[in-house]
Amino acid sequence: GLCVRSCREVMDIHALGLMGRGFTTEPSPAFALPLDQTKCNNCGLCVQLCPTGALTERSVLSKQVPLDEQYTEEFIDIDGQQASVLVSRYNGKVLRVIPNDEISRSAGLSRDQLIDLLNN
């Protein structure tokens, strides 16, 4: 339940819950809605913390293959405050932006909004 707890306790979003009982329990959005119809901001924290691999992130690349991603810590300006984010790149293309501190997590910005701030 680390992925569900991270969504609730760290991000305060409540987009994920545990559905089913026993061995069939799996993380899922409430009422089995598509994730884009929830309050999820696509921060990727649940995927990063999921210990079982039950959650995976879809890449913006057309083919899903293991990549040699390069992670860097970068700083962006959110409402006049310096926020830390982890940026994953492959061949110079940004694959994901992961909030890395309290400022970036509490801003509630989507992946695309974080990328826009990174490019400015």
PDB file of N, CA and C in Angstrom:
ATOM      1  N   GLY A   1       0.787  -1.206   0.000  1.00  0.00           N
ATOM      2  CA  GLY A   1       0.000   0.000   0.000  1.00  0.00           C
ATOM      3  C   GLY A   1       0.829   1.270   0.000  1.00  0.00           C
ATOM      4  N   LEU A   2       2.156   1.166  -0.235  1.00  0.00           N
ATOM      5  CA  LEU A   2       2.982   2.383  -0.245  1.00  0.00           C
ATOM      6  C   LEU A   2       2.535   3.363  -1.316  1.00  0.00           C
ATOM      7  N   CYS A   3       2.136   2.836  -2.458  1.00  0.00           N
ATOM      8  CA  CYS A   3       1.718   3.717  -3.544  1.00  0.00           C
ATOM      9  C   CYS A   3       0.451   4.485  -3.153  1.00  0.00           C
ATOM     10  N   VAL A   4      -0.491   3.798  -2.528  1.00  0.00           N
ATOM     11  CA  VAL A   4      -1.737   4.432  -2.106  1.00  0.00           C
ATOM     12  C   VAL A   4      -1.462   5.436  -0.987  1.00  0.00           C
ATOM     13  N   ARG A   5      -0.610   5.037  -0.027  1.00  0.00           N
ATOM     14  CA  ARG A   5      -0.278   5.933   1.086  1.00  0.00           C
ATOM     15  C   ARG A   5       0.457   7.176   0.600  1.00  0.00           C
ATOM     16  N   SER A   6       1.336   7.029  -0.382  1.00  0.00           N
ATOM     17  CA  SER A   6       2.065   8.194  -0.883  1.00  0.00           C
ATOM     18  C   SER A   6       1.103   9.184  -1.530  1.00  0.00           C
ATOM     19  N   CYS A   7       0.120   8.679  -2.240  1.00  0.00           N
ATOM     20  CA  CYS A   7      -0.866   9.546  -2.875  1.00  0.00           C
ATOM     21  C   CYS A   7      -1.696  10.282  -1.830  1.00  0.00           C
ATOM     22  N   ARG A   8      -2.090   9.568  -0.784  1.00  0.00           N
ATOM     23  CA  ARG A   8      -2.926  10.174   0.257  1.00  0.00           C
ATOM     24  C   ARG A   8      -2.145  11.060   1.212  1.00  0.00           C
ATOM     25  N   GLU A   9      -1.049  10.517   1.753  1.00  0.00           N
ATOM     26  CA  GLU A   9      -0.370  11.198   2.852  1.00  0.00           C
ATOM     27  C   GLU A   9       0.672  12.221   2.396  1.00  0.00           C
ATOM     28  N   VAL A  10       1.362  11.940   1.308  1.00  0.00           N
ATOM     29  CA  VAL A  10       2.389  12.873   0.852  1.00  0.00           C
ATOM     30  C   VAL A  10       1.791  13.921  -0.073  1.00  0.00           C
ATOM     31  N   MET A  11       1.045  13.478  -1.080  1.00  0.00           N
ATOM     32  CA  MET A  11       0.493  14.408  -2.061  1.00  0.00           C
ATOM     33  C   MET A  11      -0.876  14.965  -1.648  1.00  0.00           C
ATOM     34  N   ASP A  12      -1.578  14.299  -0.713  1.00  0.00           N
ATOM     35  CA  ASP A  12      -2.915  14.706  -0.260  1.00  0.00           C
ATOM     36  C   ASP A  12      -3.902  14.809  -1.430  1.00  0.00           C
ATOM     37  N   ILE A  13      -3.860  13.789  -2.289  1.00  0.00           N
ATOM     38  CA  ILE A  13      -4.715  13.799  -3.478  1.00  0.00           C
ATOM     39  C   ILE A  13      -5.820  12.751  -3.409  1.00  0.00           C
ATOM     40  N   HIS A  14      -5.571  11.569  -2.878  1.00  0.00           N
ATOM     41  CA  HIS A  14      -6.554  10.489  -2.743  1.00  0.00           C
ATOM     42  C   HIS A  14      -7.057   9.974  -4.087  1.00  0.00           C
ATOM     43  N   ALA A  15      -6.185   9.901  -5.082  1.00  0.00           N
ATOM     44  CA  ALA A  15      -6.582   9.394  -6.397  1.00  0.00           C
ATOM     45  C   ALA A  15      -6.583   7.875  -6.454  1.00  0.00           C
ATOM     46  N   LEU A  16      -5.817   7.221  -5.575  1.00  0.00           N
ATOM     47  CA  LEU A  16      -5.703   5.766  -5.590  1.00  0.00           C
ATOM     48  C   LEU A  16      -6.268   5.143  -4.329  1.00  0.00           C
ATOM     49  N   GLY A  17      -6.722   3.919  -4.464  1.00  0.00           N
ATOM     50  CA  GLY A  17      -7.166   3.123  -3.330  1.00  0.00           C
ATOM     51  C   GLY A  17      -6.857   1.666  -3.611  1.00  0.00           C
ATOM     52  N   LEU A  18      -7.084   0.817  -2.627  1.00  0.00           N
ATOM     53  CA  LEU A  18      -6.878  -0.620  -2.820  1.00  0.00           C
ATOM     54  C   LEU A  18      -8.220  -1.267  -3.089  1.00  0.00           C
ATOM     55  N   MET A  19      -8.313  -1.999  -4.189  1.00  0.00           N
ATOM     56  CA  MET A  19      -9.554  -2.641  -4.588  1.00  0.00           C
ATOM     57  C   MET A  19      -9.393  -4.156  -4.467  1.00  0.00           C
ATOM     58  N   GLY A  20     -10.429  -4.817  -4.012  1.00  0.00           N
ATOM     59  CA  GLY A  20     -10.398  -6.262  -3.864  1.00  0.00           C
ATOM     60  C   GLY A  20      -9.932  -6.655  -2.474  1.00  0.00           C
ATOM     61  N   ARG A  21      -9.904  -7.955  -2.234  1.00  0.00           N
ATOM     62  CA  ARG A  21      -9.480  -8.468  -0.936  1.00  0.00           C
ATOM     63  C   ARG A  21      -8.525  -9.628  -1.136  1.00  0.00           C
ATOM     64  N   GLY A  22      -7.661  -9.819  -0.154  1.00  0.00           N
ATOM     65  CA  GLY A  22      -6.742 -10.954  -0.196  1.00  0.00           C
ATOM     66  C   GLY A  22      -5.735 -10.836  -1.323  1.00  0.00           C
ATOM     67  N   PHE A  23      -5.510 -11.961  -2.007  1.00  0.00           N
ATOM     68  CA  PHE A  23      -4.515 -12.000  -3.069  1.00  0.00           C
ATOM     69  C   PHE A  23      -4.925 -11.207  -4.304  1.00  0.00           C
ATOM     70  N   THR A  24      -6.196 -10.870  -4.426  1.00  0.00           N
ATOM     71  CA  THR A  24      -6.646 -10.124  -5.603  1.00  0.00           C
ATOM     72  C   THR A  24      -6.614  -8.616  -5.393  1.00  0.00           C
ATOM     73  N   THR A  25      -6.118  -8.160  -4.231  1.00  0.00           N
ATOM     74  CA  THR A  25      -6.057  -6.730  -3.953  1.00  0.00           C
ATOM     75  C   THR A  25      -5.087  -6.051  -4.901  1.00  0.00           C
ATOM     76  N   GLU A  26      -5.518  -4.938  -5.473  1.00  0.00           N
ATOM     77  CA  GLU A  26      -4.650  -4.180  -6.371  1.00  0.00           C
ATOM     78  C   GLU A  26      -4.963  -2.695  -6.270  1.00  0.00           C
ATOM     79  N   PRO A  27      -3.976  -1.847  -6.530  1.00  0.00           N
ATOM     80  CA  PRO A  27      -4.232  -0.404  -6.508  1.00  0.00           C
ATOM     81  C   PRO A  27      -5.070  -0.006  -7.715  1.00  0.00           C
ATOM     82  N   SER A  28      -6.001   0.887  -7.476  1.00  0.00           N
ATOM     83  CA  SER A  28      -6.899   1.304  -8.551  1.00  0.00           C
ATOM     84  C   SER A  28      -7.488   2.664  -8.195  1.00  0.00           C
ATOM     85  N   PRO A  29      -7.815   3.472  -9.194  1.00  0.00           N
ATOM     86  CA  PRO A  29      -8.548   4.706  -8.908  1.00  0.00           C
ATOM     87  C   PRO A  29      -9.936   4.378  -8.349  1.00  0.00           C
ATOM     88  N   ALA A  30     -10.501   5.280  -7.601  1.00  0.00           N
ATOM     89  CA  ALA A  30     -11.826   5.068  -7.015  1.00  0.00           C
ATOM     90  C   ALA A  30     -12.852   4.773  -8.095  1.00  0.00           C
ATOM     91  N   PHE A  31     -13.725   3.844  -7.815  1.00  0.00           N
ATOM     92  CA  PHE A  31     -14.806   3.417  -8.713  1.00  0.00           C
ATOM     93  C   PHE A  31     -14.278   2.926 -10.055  1.00  0.00           C
ATOM     94  N   ALA A  32     -13.006   2.524 -10.093  1.00  0.00           N
ATOM     95  CA  ALA A  32     -12.352   2.025 -11.310  1.00  0.00           C
ATOM     96  C   ALA A  32     -12.431   3.026 -12.457  1.00  0.00           C
ATOM     97  N   LEU A  33     -12.437   4.304 -12.118  1.00  0.00           N
ATOM     98  CA  LEU A  33     -12.442   5.350 -13.141  1.00  0.00           C
ATOM     99  C   LEU A  33     -11.095   5.403 -13.839  1.00  0.00           C
ATOM    100  N   PRO A  34     -11.058   5.886 -15.073  1.00  0.00           N
ATOM    101  CA  PRO A  34      -9.750   6.139 -15.693  1.00  0.00           C
ATOM    102  C   PRO A  34      -8.997   7.181 -14.876  1.00  0.00           C
ATOM    103  N   LEU A  35      -7.692   7.061 -14.809  1.00  0.00           N
ATOM    104  CA  LEU A  35      -6.886   7.936 -13.962  1.00  0.00           C
ATOM    105  C   LEU A  35      -7.040   9.405 -14.346  1.00  0.00           C
ATOM    106  N   ASP A  36      -7.290   9.690 -15.627  1.00  0.00           N
ATOM    107  CA  ASP A  36      -7.439  11.092 -16.032  1.00  0.00           C
ATOM    108  C   ASP A  36      -8.756  11.706 -15.573  1.00  0.00           C
ATOM    109  N   GLN A  37      -9.657  10.891 -15.011  1.00  0.00           N
ATOM    110  CA  GLN A  37     -10.908  11.419 -14.479  1.00  0.00           C
ATOM    111  C   GLN A  37     -10.871  11.537 -12.957  1.00  0.00           C
ATOM    112  N   THR A  38      -9.673  11.420 -12.371  1.00  0.00           N
ATOM    113  CA  THR A  38      -9.490  11.591 -10.934  1.00  0.00           C
ATOM    114  C   THR A  38      -8.711  12.870 -10.682  1.00  0.00           C
ATOM    115  N   LYS A  39      -8.368  13.110  -9.434  1.00  0.00           N
ATOM    116  CA  LYS A  39      -7.590  14.294  -9.082  1.00  0.00           C
ATOM    117  C   LYS A  39      -6.081  14.087  -9.275  1.00  0.00           C
ATOM    118  N   CYS A  40      -5.684  12.970  -9.873  1.00  0.00           N
ATOM    119  CA  CYS A  40      -4.272  12.656 -10.078  1.00  0.00           C
ATOM    120  C   CYS A  40      -3.588  13.767 -10.878  1.00  0.00           C
ATOM    121  N   ASN A  41      -2.396  14.168 -10.421  1.00  0.00           N
ATOM    122  CA  ASN A  41      -1.652  15.192 -11.145  1.00  0.00           C
ATOM    123  C   ASN A  41      -0.440  14.612 -11.881  1.00  0.00           C
ATOM    124  N   ASN A  42      -0.394  13.277 -11.997  1.00  0.00           N
ATOM    125  CA  ASN A  42       0.658  12.571 -12.738  1.00  0.00           C
ATOM    126  C   ASN A  42       2.057  12.859 -12.207  1.00  0.00           C
ATOM    127  N   CYS A  43       2.187  12.933 -10.901  1.00  0.00           N
ATOM    128  CA  CYS A  43       3.505  13.222 -10.318  1.00  0.00           C
ATOM    129  C   CYS A  43       4.430  12.016 -10.394  1.00  0.00           C
ATOM    130  N   GLY A  44       3.884  10.799 -10.449  1.00  0.00           N
ATOM    131  CA  GLY A  44       4.700   9.596 -10.565  1.00  0.00           C
ATOM    132  C   GLY A  44       5.219   9.054  -9.249  1.00  0.00           C
ATOM    133  N   LEU A  45       4.855   9.669  -8.134  1.00  0.00           N
ATOM    134  CA  LEU A  45       5.340   9.224  -6.834  1.00  0.00           C
ATOM    135  C   LEU A  45       4.852   7.812  -6.517  1.00  0.00           C
ATOM    136  N   CYS A  46       3.626   7.498  -6.852  1.00  0.00           N
ATOM    137  CA  CYS A  46       3.092   6.158  -6.579  1.00  0.00           C
ATOM    138  C   CYS A  46       3.862   5.092  -7.347  1.00  0.00           C
ATOM    139  N   VAL A  47       4.186   5.362  -8.590  1.00  0.00           N
ATOM    140  CA  VAL A  47       4.947   4.414  -9.405  1.00  0.00           C
ATOM    141  C   VAL A  47       6.350   4.246  -8.842  1.00  0.00           C
ATOM    142  N   GLN A  48       6.940   5.354  -8.431  1.00  0.00           N
ATOM    143  CA  GLN A  48       8.299   5.324  -7.895  1.00  0.00           C
ATOM    144  C   GLN A  48       8.373   4.515  -6.605  1.00  0.00           C
ATOM    145  N   LEU A  49       7.339   4.594  -5.755  1.00  0.00           N
ATOM    146  CA  LEU A  49       7.367   3.935  -4.452  1.00  0.00           C
ATOM    147  C   LEU A  49       6.740   2.546  -4.432  1.00  0.00           C
ATOM    148  N   CYS A  50       6.053   2.153  -5.479  1.00  0.00           N
ATOM    149  CA  CYS A  50       5.372   0.855  -5.500  1.00  0.00           C
ATOM    150  C   CYS A  50       6.400  -0.270  -5.445  1.00  0.00           C
ATOM    151  N   PRO A  51       6.394  -1.073  -4.365  1.00  0.00           N
ATOM    152  CA  PRO A  51       7.415  -2.105  -4.203  1.00  0.00           C
ATOM    153  C   PRO A  51       7.186  -3.353  -5.044  1.00  0.00           C
ATOM    154  N   THR A  52       5.982  -3.535  -5.563  1.00  0.00           N
ATOM    155  CA  THR A  52       5.679  -4.778  -6.273  1.00  0.00           C
ATOM    156  C   THR A  52       5.687  -4.629  -7.793  1.00  0.00           C
ATOM    157  N   GLY A  53       5.712  -3.423  -8.287  1.00  0.00           N
ATOM    158  CA  GLY A  53       5.634  -3.216  -9.731  1.00  0.00           C
ATOM    159  C   GLY A  53       4.220  -3.308 -10.269  1.00  0.00           C
ATOM    160  N   ALA A  54       3.233  -3.237  -9.374  1.00  0.00           N
ATOM    161  CA  ALA A  54       1.839  -3.301  -9.809  1.00  0.00           C
ATOM    162  C   ALA A  54       1.464  -2.072 -10.633  1.00  0.00           C
ATOM    163  N   LEU A  55       2.144  -0.960 -10.384  1.00  0.00           N
ATOM    164  CA  LEU A  55       1.912   0.257 -11.157  1.00  0.00           C
ATOM    165  C   LEU A  55       3.105   0.496 -12.066  1.00  0.00           C
ATOM    166  N   THR A  56       2.834   0.820 -13.296  1.00  0.00           N
ATOM    167  CA  THR A  56       3.897   1.169 -14.227  1.00  0.00           C
ATOM    168  C   THR A  56       3.517   2.463 -14.922  1.00  0.00           C
ATOM    169  N   GLU A  57       4.517   3.157 -15.374  1.00  0.00           N
ATOM    170  CA  GLU A  57       4.291   4.424 -16.044  1.00  0.00           C
ATOM    171  C   GLU A  57       4.402   4.226 -17.544  1.00  0.00           C
ATOM    172  N   ARG A  58       3.484   4.786 -18.262  1.00  0.00           N
ATOM    173  CA  ARG A  58       3.565   4.729 -19.717  1.00  0.00           C
ATOM    174  C   ARG A  58       4.527   5.816 -20.174  1.00  0.00           C
ATOM    175  N   SER A  59       5.416   5.437 -21.028  1.00  0.00           N
ATOM    176  CA  SER A  59       6.396   6.375 -21.545  1.00  0.00           C
ATOM    177  C   SER A  59       5.785   7.208 -22.661  1.00  0.00           C
ATOM    178  N   VAL A  60       6.346   8.385 -22.892  1.00  0.00           N
ATOM    179  CA  VAL A  60       5.895   9.201 -24.012  1.00  0.00           C
ATOM    180  C   VAL A  60       6.474   8.681 -25.324  1.00  0.00           C
ATOM    181  N   LEU A  61       7.356   7.678 -25.226  1.00  0.00           N
ATOM    182  CA  LEU A  61       7.925   7.072 -26.423  1.00  0.00           C
ATOM    183  C   LEU A  61       6.943   6.065 -27.004  1.00  0.00           C
ATOM    184  N   SER A  62       7.004   5.845 -28.303  1.00  0.00           N
ATOM    185  CA  SER A  62       6.035   4.966 -28.952  1.00  0.00           C
ATOM    186  C   SER A  62       6.243   3.500 -28.597  1.00  0.00           C
ATOM    187  N   LYS A  63       7.478   3.092 -28.277  1.00  0.00           N
ATOM    188  CA  LYS A  63       7.748   1.704 -27.940  1.00  0.00           C
ATOM    189  C   LYS A  63       8.239   1.618 -26.504  1.00  0.00           C
ATOM    190  N   GLN A  64       7.623   0.752 -25.708  1.00  0.00           N
ATOM    191  CA  GLN A  64       7.977   0.597 -24.305  1.00  0.00           C
ATOM    192  C   GLN A  64       9.151  -0.367 -24.172  1.00  0.00           C
ATOM    193  N   VAL A  65      10.331   0.146 -23.956  1.00  0.00           N
ATOM    194  CA  VAL A  65      11.526  -0.672 -23.785  1.00  0.00           C
ATOM    195  C   VAL A  65      12.333  -0.122 -22.616  1.00  0.00           C
ATOM    196  N   PRO A  66      13.178  -0.951 -21.999  1.00  0.00           N
ATOM    197  CA  PRO A  66      14.052  -0.421 -20.949  1.00  0.00           C
ATOM    198  C   PRO A  66      15.018   0.608 -21.540  1.00  0.00           C
ATOM    199  N   LEU A  67      15.143   1.739 -20.893  1.00  0.00           N
ATOM    200  CA  LEU A  67      15.987   2.819 -21.386  1.00  0.00           C
ATOM    201  C   LEU A  67      17.063   3.161 -20.372  1.00  0.00           C
ATOM    202  N   ASP A  68      18.165   3.650 -20.850  1.00  0.00           N
ATOM    203  CA  ASP A  68      19.231   4.147 -19.992  1.00  0.00           C
ATOM    204  C   ASP A  68      18.954   5.625 -19.724  1.00  0.00           C
ATOM    205  N   GLU A  69      18.050   5.857 -18.777  1.00  0.00           N
ATOM    206  CA  GLU A  69      17.643   7.223 -18.469  1.00  0.00           C
ATOM    207  C   GLU A  69      18.707   7.922 -17.632  1.00  0.00           C
ATOM    208  N   GLN A  70      18.817   9.212 -17.820  1.00  0.00           N
ATOM    209  CA  GLN A  70      19.718  10.037 -17.028  1.00  0.00           C
ATOM    210  C   GLN A  70      18.865  10.920 -16.121  1.00  0.00           C
ATOM    211  N   TYR A  71      19.060  10.794 -14.802  1.00  0.00           N
ATOM    212  CA  TYR A  71      18.319  11.601 -13.838  1.00  0.00           C
ATOM    213  C   TYR A  71      19.185  12.754 -13.358  1.00  0.00           C
ATOM    214  N   THR A  72      18.592  13.931 -13.308  1.00  0.00           N
ATOM    215  CA  THR A  72      19.283  15.094 -12.758  1.00  0.00           C
ATOM    216  C   THR A  72      18.327  15.828 -11.826  1.00  0.00           C
ATOM    217  N   GLU A  73      18.894  16.423 -10.790  1.00  0.00           N
ATOM    218  CA  GLU A  73      18.083  17.269  -9.917  1.00  0.00           C
ATOM    219  C   GLU A  73      18.155  18.680 -10.464  1.00  0.00           C
ATOM    220  N   GLU A  74      16.999  19.270 -10.685  1.00  0.00           N
ATOM    221  CA  GLU A  74      16.942  20.628 -11.216  1.00  0.00           C
ATOM    222  C   GLU A  74      15.991  21.447 -10.367  1.00  0.00           C
ATOM    223  N   PHE A  75      16.118  22.743 -10.483  1.00  0.00           N
ATOM    224  CA  PHE A  75      15.306  23.649  -9.683  1.00  0.00           C
ATOM    225  C   PHE A  75      14.438  24.504 -10.590  1.00  0.00           C
ATOM    226  N   ILE A  76      13.175  24.624 -10.207  1.00  0.00           N
ATOM    227  CA  ILE A  76      12.228  25.444 -10.946  1.00  0.00           C
ATOM    228  C   ILE A  76      11.601  26.447  -9.988  1.00  0.00           C
ATOM    229  N   ASP A  77      11.025  27.491 -10.538  1.00  0.00           N
ATOM    230  CA  ASP A  77      10.390  28.527  -9.748  1.00  0.00           C
ATOM    231  C   ASP A  77       8.881  28.278  -9.724  1.00  0.00           C
ATOM    232  N   ILE A  78       8.337  28.021  -8.536  1.00  0.00           N
ATOM    233  CA  ILE A  78       6.901  27.833  -8.377  1.00  0.00           C
ATOM    234  C   ILE A  78       6.406  28.891  -7.406  1.00  0.00           C
ATOM    235  N   ASP A  79       5.612  29.815  -7.905  1.00  0.00           N
ATOM    236  CA  ASP A  79       5.056  30.895  -7.086  1.00  0.00           C
ATOM    237  C   ASP A  79       6.133  31.628  -6.293  1.00  0.00           C
ATOM    238  N   GLY A  80       7.251  31.922  -6.937  1.00  0.00           N
ATOM    239  CA  GLY A  80       8.316  32.678  -6.298  1.00  0.00           C
ATOM    240  C   GLY A  80       9.214  31.876  -5.365  1.00  0.00           C
ATOM    241  N   GLN A  81       9.035  30.552  -5.317  1.00  0.00           N
ATOM    242  CA  GLN A  81       9.859  29.703  -4.460  1.00  0.00           C
ATOM    243  C   GLN A  81      10.646  28.725  -5.318  1.00  0.00           C
ATOM    244  N   GLN A  82      11.883  28.429  -4.910  1.00  0.00           N
ATOM    245  CA  GLN A  82      12.700  27.448  -5.599  1.00  0.00           C
ATOM    246  C   GLN A  82      12.243  26.048  -5.205  1.00  0.00           C
ATOM    247  N   ALA A  83      11.880  25.246  -6.178  1.00  0.00           N
ATOM    248  CA  ALA A  83      11.428  23.871  -5.934  1.00  0.00           C
ATOM    249  C   ALA A  83      12.362  22.902  -6.641  1.00  0.00           C
ATOM    250  N   SER A  84      12.620  21.786  -5.985  1.00  0.00           N
ATOM    251  CA  SER A  84      13.498  20.762  -6.531  1.00  0.00           C
ATOM    252  C   SER A  84      12.672  19.672  -7.215  1.00  0.00           C
ATOM    253  N   VAL A  85      13.094  19.289  -8.425  1.00  0.00           N
ATOM    254  CA  VAL A  85      12.456  18.200  -9.153  1.00  0.00           C
ATOM    255  C   VAL A  85      13.535  17.287  -9.729  1.00  0.00           C
ATOM    256  N   LEU A  86      13.207  16.003  -9.851  1.00  0.00           N
ATOM    257  CA  LEU A  86      14.084  15.062 -10.547  1.00  0.00           C
ATOM    258  C   LEU A  86      13.610  14.980 -11.991  1.00  0.00           C
ATOM    259  N   VAL A  87      14.527  15.151 -12.917  1.00  0.00           N
ATOM    260  CA  VAL A  87      14.184  15.133 -14.336  1.00  0.00           C
ATOM    261  C   VAL A  87      14.842  13.924 -14.984  1.00  0.00           C
ATOM    262  N   SER A  88      14.035  13.104 -15.632  1.00  0.00           N
ATOM    263  CA  SER A  88      14.534  11.930 -16.344  1.00  0.00           C
ATOM    264  C   SER A  88      14.576  12.261 -17.827  1.00  0.00           C
ATOM    265  N   ARG A  89      15.757  12.058 -18.426  1.00  0.00           N
ATOM    266  CA  ARG A  89      15.924  12.325 -19.858  1.00  0.00           C
ATOM    267  C   ARG A  89      16.508  11.103 -20.550  1.00  0.00           C
ATOM    268  N   TYR A  90      16.125  10.947 -21.805  1.00  0.00           N
ATOM    269  CA  TYR A  90      16.719   9.937 -22.661  1.00  0.00           C
ATOM    270  C   TYR A  90      16.994  10.604 -24.000  1.00  0.00           C
ATOM    271  N   ASN A  91      18.251  10.619 -24.416  1.00  0.00           N
ATOM    272  CA  ASN A  91      18.676  11.301 -25.651  1.00  0.00           C
ATOM    273  C   ASN A  91      18.197  12.753 -25.677  1.00  0.00           C
ATOM    274  N   GLY A  92      18.245  13.410 -24.533  1.00  0.00           N
ATOM    275  CA  GLY A  92      17.857  14.816 -24.458  1.00  0.00           C
ATOM    276  C   GLY A  92      16.369  15.070 -24.323  1.00  0.00           C
ATOM    277  N   LYS A  93      15.548  14.041 -24.464  1.00  0.00           N
ATOM    278  CA  LYS A  93      14.095  14.201 -24.371  1.00  0.00           C
ATOM    279  C   LYS A  93      13.643  13.960 -22.937  1.00  0.00           C
ATOM    280  N   VAL A  94      12.844  14.861 -22.403  1.00  0.00           N
ATOM    281  CA  VAL A  94      12.333  14.717 -21.040  1.00  0.00           C
ATOM    282  C   VAL A  94      11.260  13.640 -21.031  1.00  0.00           C
ATOM    283  N   LEU A  95      11.492  12.603 -20.209  1.00  0.00           N
ATOM    284  CA  LEU A  95      10.514  11.527 -20.083  1.00  0.00           C
ATOM    285  C   LEU A  95       9.565  11.769 -18.924  1.00  0.00           C
ATOM    286  N   ARG A  96      10.120  12.226 -17.797  1.00  0.00           N
ATOM    287  CA  ARG A  96       9.283  12.486 -16.624  1.00  0.00           C
ATOM    288  C   ARG A  96       9.924  13.537 -15.747  1.00  0.00           C
ATOM    289  N   VAL A  97       9.084  14.206 -14.997  1.00  0.00           N
ATOM    290  CA  VAL A  97       9.520  15.181 -14.000  1.00  0.00           C
ATOM    291  C   VAL A  97       8.872  14.766 -12.691  1.00  0.00           C
ATOM    292  N   ILE A  98       9.690  14.476 -11.676  1.00  0.00           N
ATOM    293  CA  ILE A  98       9.194  13.957 -10.410  1.00  0.00           C
ATOM    294  C   ILE A  98       9.397  15.008  -9.324  1.00  0.00           C
ATOM    295  N   PRO A  99       8.338  15.422  -8.636  1.00  0.00           N
ATOM    296  CA  PRO A  99       8.511  16.364  -7.526  1.00  0.00           C
ATOM    297  C   PRO A  99       9.484  15.784  -6.502  1.00  0.00           C
ATOM    298  N   ASN A 100      10.399  16.630  -6.001  1.00  0.00           N
ATOM    299  CA  ASN A 100      11.461  16.127  -5.142  1.00  0.00           C
ATOM    300  C   ASN A 100      11.534  16.821  -3.788  1.00  0.00           C
ATOM    301  N   ASP A 101      10.650  17.754  -3.522  1.00  0.00           N
ATOM    302  CA  ASP A 101      10.624  18.415  -2.222  1.00  0.00           C
ATOM    303  C   ASP A 101       9.191  18.841  -1.897  1.00  0.00           C
ATOM    304  N   GLU A 102       9.000  19.363  -0.714  1.00  0.00           N
ATOM    305  CA  GLU A 102       7.661  19.730  -0.246  1.00  0.00           C
ATOM    306  C   GLU A 102       7.016  20.794  -1.137  1.00  0.00           C
ATOM    307  N   ILE A 103       7.786  21.737  -1.627  1.00  0.00           N
ATOM    308  CA  ILE A 103       7.239  22.809  -2.465  1.00  0.00           C
ATOM    309  C   ILE A 103       6.685  22.236  -3.766  1.00  0.00           C
ATOM    310  N   SER A 104       7.459  21.388  -4.424  1.00  0.00           N
ATOM    311  CA  SER A 104       7.005  20.836  -5.703  1.00  0.00           C
ATOM    312  C   SER A 104       5.861  19.835  -5.525  1.00  0.00           C
ATOM    313  N   ARG A 105       5.854  19.091  -4.405  1.00  0.00           N
ATOM    314  CA  ARG A 105       4.767  18.135  -4.164  1.00  0.00           C
ATOM    315  C   ARG A 105       3.462  18.844  -3.811  1.00  0.00           C
ATOM    316  N   SER A 106       3.546  19.898  -3.024  1.00  0.00           N
ATOM    317  CA  SER A 106       2.315  20.561  -2.576  1.00  0.00           C
ATOM    318  C   SER A 106       1.736  21.503  -3.621  1.00  0.00           C
ATOM    319  N   ALA A 107       2.466  21.776  -4.704  1.00  0.00           N
ATOM    320  CA  ALA A 107       1.963  22.687  -5.734  1.00  0.00           C
ATOM    321  C   ALA A 107       0.811  22.082  -6.517  1.00  0.00           C
ATOM    322  N   GLY A 108       0.731  20.745  -6.584  1.00  0.00           N
ATOM    323  CA  GLY A 108      -0.370  20.086  -7.292  1.00  0.00           C
ATOM    324  C   GLY A 108      -0.314  20.273  -8.795  1.00  0.00           C
ATOM    325  N   LEU A 109       0.883  20.442  -9.344  1.00  0.00           N
ATOM    326  CA  LEU A 109       1.024  20.654 -10.779  1.00  0.00           C
ATOM    327  C   LEU A 109       1.108  19.329 -11.515  1.00  0.00           C
ATOM    328  N   SER A 110       0.587  19.294 -12.727  1.00  0.00           N
ATOM    329  CA  SER A 110       0.647  18.083 -13.543  1.00  0.00           C
ATOM    330  C   SER A 110       2.030  17.946 -14.169  1.00  0.00           C
ATOM    331  N   ARG A 111       2.286  16.795 -14.770  1.00  0.00           N
ATOM    332  CA  ARG A 111       3.553  16.539 -15.441  1.00  0.00           C
ATOM    333  C   ARG A 111       3.819  17.601 -16.503  1.00  0.00           C
ATOM    334  N   ASP A 112       2.803  17.908 -17.313  1.00  0.00           N
ATOM    335  CA  ASP A 112       2.971  18.885 -18.389  1.00  0.00           C
ATOM    336  C   ASP A 112       3.258  20.279 -17.838  1.00  0.00           C
ATOM    337  N   GLN A 113       2.616  20.648 -16.743  1.00  0.00           N
ATOM    338  CA  GLN A 113       2.874  21.950 -16.132  1.00  0.00           C
ATOM    339  C   GLN A 113       4.294  22.027 -15.583  1.00  0.00           C
ATOM    340  N   LEU A 114       4.772  20.930 -14.975  1.00  0.00           N
ATOM    341  CA  LEU A 114       6.146  20.911 -14.480  1.00  0.00           C
ATOM    342  C   LEU A 114       7.141  21.008 -15.623  1.00  0.00           C
ATOM    343  N   ILE A 115       6.870  20.348 -16.733  1.00  0.00           N
ATOM    344  CA  ILE A 115       7.762  20.424 -17.897  1.00  0.00           C
ATOM    345  C   ILE A 115       7.770  21.840 -18.447  1.00  0.00           C
ATOM    346  N   ASP A 116       6.602  22.498 -18.504  1.00  0.00           N
ATOM    347  CA  ASP A 116       6.547  23.887 -18.964  1.00  0.00           C
ATOM    348  C   ASP A 116       7.391  24.795 -18.091  1.00  0.00           C
ATOM    349  N   LEU A 117       7.293  24.618 -16.753  1.00  0.00           N
ATOM    350  CA  LEU A 117       8.104  25.423 -15.836  1.00  0.00           C
ATOM    351  C   LEU A 117       9.589  25.126 -16.017  1.00  0.00           C
ATOM    352  N   LEU A 118       9.913  23.890 -16.307  1.00  0.00           N
ATOM    353  CA  LEU A 118      11.310  23.489 -16.508  1.00  0.00           C
ATOM    354  C   LEU A 118      11.885  24.139 -17.763  1.00  0.00           C
ATOM    355  N   ASN A 119      11.069  24.258 -18.792  1.00  0.00           N
ATOM    356  CA  ASN A 119      11.532  24.822 -20.062  1.00  0.00           C
ATOM    357  C   ASN A 119      11.597  26.347 -20.056  1.00  0.00           C
ATOM    358  N   ASN A 120      10.982  26.978 -19.077  1.00  0.00           N
ATOM    359  CA  ASN A 120      10.992  28.448 -19.025  1.00  0.00           C
ATOM    360  C   ASN A 120      12.201  28.975 -18.322  1.00  0.00           C
TER     361      ASN A 120
END
